[in-house]
Amino acid sequence: MRWPLAAATLALLALPVAALAQEGFQMPSGNVFCEVEENALRCDLVDFTFARPPQPADCETDWGHAYSLAARGTSRVLCAGDTVVNRGARRLRYGDRWDGVGVTCHAERTGLKCINAEGRGFELSRTRLSRF
């Protein structure tokens, strides 16, 4: 028996997967990549020269390259053995702004600055980390 609608059905089944795709971006330098994960913005640095924050004893994977910011609360340093680096992500231009999940980010020549509704956030660049 032939199923003439099989291709159309498969295409429809793929739609929810595409809708769940994570929104992300990268800085013009190609050094900072961000992606929405679990209702927060996660940003990873490819290369950096600043001193990493002290690593907790219970972190047994990579530390100091990944940061997270949600709509409320302080930014977090992530213990993460993975990365959100996606060279195909939308590339911001200096001066661009990104808004999502209660976080606003500005792409500046000095780095990426992200702030939530409470005025908390971080600034990331190759040479600097500032969490506030």
Protein backbone atom coordinates (compact mmCIF):
# COMPACT_ATOMS: atom_id res chain seq x y z
CA MET A 1 0.00 0.00 0.00
CA ARG A 2 1.27 3.47 -0.84
CA TRP A 3 1.03 6.40 1.56
CA PRO A 4 0.75 9.55 -0.60
CA LEU A 5 0.67 11.89 2.40
CA ALA A 6 3.71 10.40 4.13
CA ALA A 7 6.09 13.19 3.01
CA ALA A 8 3.60 15.90 3.98
CA THR A 9 3.00 14.24 7.35
CA LEU A 10 6.74 14.04 8.03
CA ALA A 11 7.13 17.70 7.11
CA LEU A 12 4.38 18.64 9.56
CA LEU A 13 5.99 16.56 12.30
CA ALA A 14 9.24 18.46 11.77
CA LEU A 15 7.60 21.85 12.38
CA PRO A 16 7.44 21.61 16.18
CA VAL A 17 11.13 20.68 16.27
CA ALA A 18 12.02 23.78 14.26
CA ALA A 19 9.81 25.89 16.53
CA LEU A 20 11.78 24.63 19.52
CA ALA A 21 15.09 25.69 18.00
CA GLN A 22 17.02 27.88 20.40
CA GLU A 23 17.48 31.53 19.57
CA GLY A 24 21.09 32.59 19.54
CA PHE A 25 23.60 35.15 18.32
CA GLN A 26 27.31 35.84 18.14
CA MET A 27 29.39 38.96 18.57
CA PRO A 28 31.05 40.52 15.49
CA SER A 29 34.44 39.30 16.76
CA GLY A 30 33.28 35.67 16.67
CA ASN A 31 34.54 35.28 20.24
CA VAL A 32 31.28 35.46 22.25
CA PHE A 33 28.29 33.25 21.45
CA CYS A 34 24.93 33.33 23.22
CA GLU A 35 21.87 31.11 23.17
CA VAL A 36 18.59 30.94 25.05
CA GLU A 37 18.62 27.92 27.38
CA GLU A 38 16.04 27.10 30.05
CA ASN A 39 14.50 30.62 30.12
CA ALA A 40 17.89 32.29 30.50
CA LEU A 41 20.56 33.61 28.17
CA ARG A 42 23.80 31.63 28.17
CA CYS A 43 26.92 33.22 26.73
CA ASP A 44 30.21 31.41 26.09
CA LEU A 45 33.62 32.84 25.31
CA VAL A 46 35.89 31.05 22.86
CA ASP A 47 39.08 32.80 23.97
CA PHE A 48 39.74 35.00 27.00
CA THR A 49 42.67 36.31 29.00
CA PHE A 50 40.97 37.46 32.23
CA ALA A 51 41.34 35.43 35.44
CA ARG A 52 38.57 32.88 35.89
CA PRO A 53 36.39 33.21 38.98
CA PRO A 54 37.29 30.68 41.72
CA GLN A 55 36.14 27.22 40.68
CA PRO A 56 33.82 25.41 43.12
CA ALA A 57 35.01 22.04 44.38
CA ASP A 58 31.97 20.27 42.90
CA CYS A 59 32.70 21.47 39.34
CA GLU A 60 34.56 18.69 37.56
CA THR A 61 34.21 20.03 34.02
CA ASP A 62 35.12 23.29 32.29
CA TRP A 63 34.80 26.47 34.32
CA GLY A 64 34.95 30.18 33.58
CA HIS A 65 33.97 30.20 29.90
CA ALA A 66 30.16 30.17 30.26
CA TYR A 67 27.79 32.66 31.91
CA SER A 68 24.03 32.73 32.34
CA LEU A 69 21.53 35.51 33.01
CA ALA A 70 17.78 35.16 33.60
CA ALA A 71 15.09 37.85 33.86
CA ARG A 72 15.57 37.93 37.64
CA GLY A 73 18.58 37.39 39.87
CA THR A 74 22.31 37.67 39.44
CA SER A 75 24.36 36.28 36.60
CA ARG A 76 25.86 32.85 37.13
CA VAL A 77 29.16 31.28 36.16
CA LEU A 78 28.36 27.87 34.69
CA CYS A 79 30.17 24.60 35.25
CA ALA A 80 29.75 23.29 31.71
CA GLY A 81 31.45 20.62 29.68
CA ASP A 82 29.56 21.73 26.57
CA THR A 83 29.37 24.94 24.59
CA VAL A 84 26.82 27.10 22.77
CA VAL A 85 29.34 28.15 20.11
CA ASN A 86 27.45 28.14 16.83
CA ARG A 87 29.32 29.72 13.93
CA GLY A 88 26.04 29.78 11.99
CA ALA A 89 24.26 31.93 14.59
CA ARG A 90 23.10 35.42 13.67
CA ARG A 91 26.04 37.83 13.91
CA LEU A 92 25.27 41.10 15.68
CA ARG A 93 26.93 44.32 14.56
CA TYR A 94 28.51 46.72 17.01
CA GLY A 95 25.73 48.97 18.26
CA ASP A 96 23.05 46.26 17.86
CA ARG A 97 20.72 45.29 20.67
CA TRP A 98 19.24 41.86 21.44
CA ASP A 99 16.13 41.37 23.61
CA GLY A 100 14.77 38.09 24.90
CA VAL A 101 13.83 36.08 28.03
CA GLY A 102 13.77 39.30 30.10
CA VAL A 103 17.37 40.15 29.19
CA THR A 104 18.70 42.96 26.98
CA CYS A 105 22.19 42.78 25.47
CA HIS A 106 24.21 45.44 23.67
CA ALA A 107 27.02 44.57 21.28
CA GLU A 108 29.73 47.14 21.91
CA ARG A 109 33.30 47.38 20.63
CA THR A 110 34.42 46.89 24.23
CA GLY A 111 32.41 43.67 24.57
CA LEU A 112 28.93 42.32 25.21
CA LYS A 113 26.86 43.90 27.97
CA CYS A 114 23.70 42.08 29.13
CA ILE A 115 21.24 43.37 31.75
CA ASN A 116 18.02 41.93 33.17
CA ALA A 117 14.91 43.74 34.49
CA GLU A 118 16.51 44.09 37.94
CA GLY A 119 19.57 45.86 36.52
CA ARG A 120 21.82 42.85 37.10
CA GLY A 121 24.01 41.32 34.48
CA PHE A 122 27.49 40.96 33.03
CA GLU A 123 29.96 42.41 30.58
CA LEU A 124 32.10 39.95 28.63
CA SER A 125 35.05 40.45 26.34
CA ARG A 126 38.30 38.71 25.54
CA THR A 127 40.10 40.69 28.26
CA ARG A 128 37.37 41.42 30.81
CA LEU A 129 34.62 39.90 32.91
CA SER A 130 32.41 42.14 35.02
CA ARG A 131 29.40 40.73 36.88
CA PHE A 132 27.01 43.13 38.59
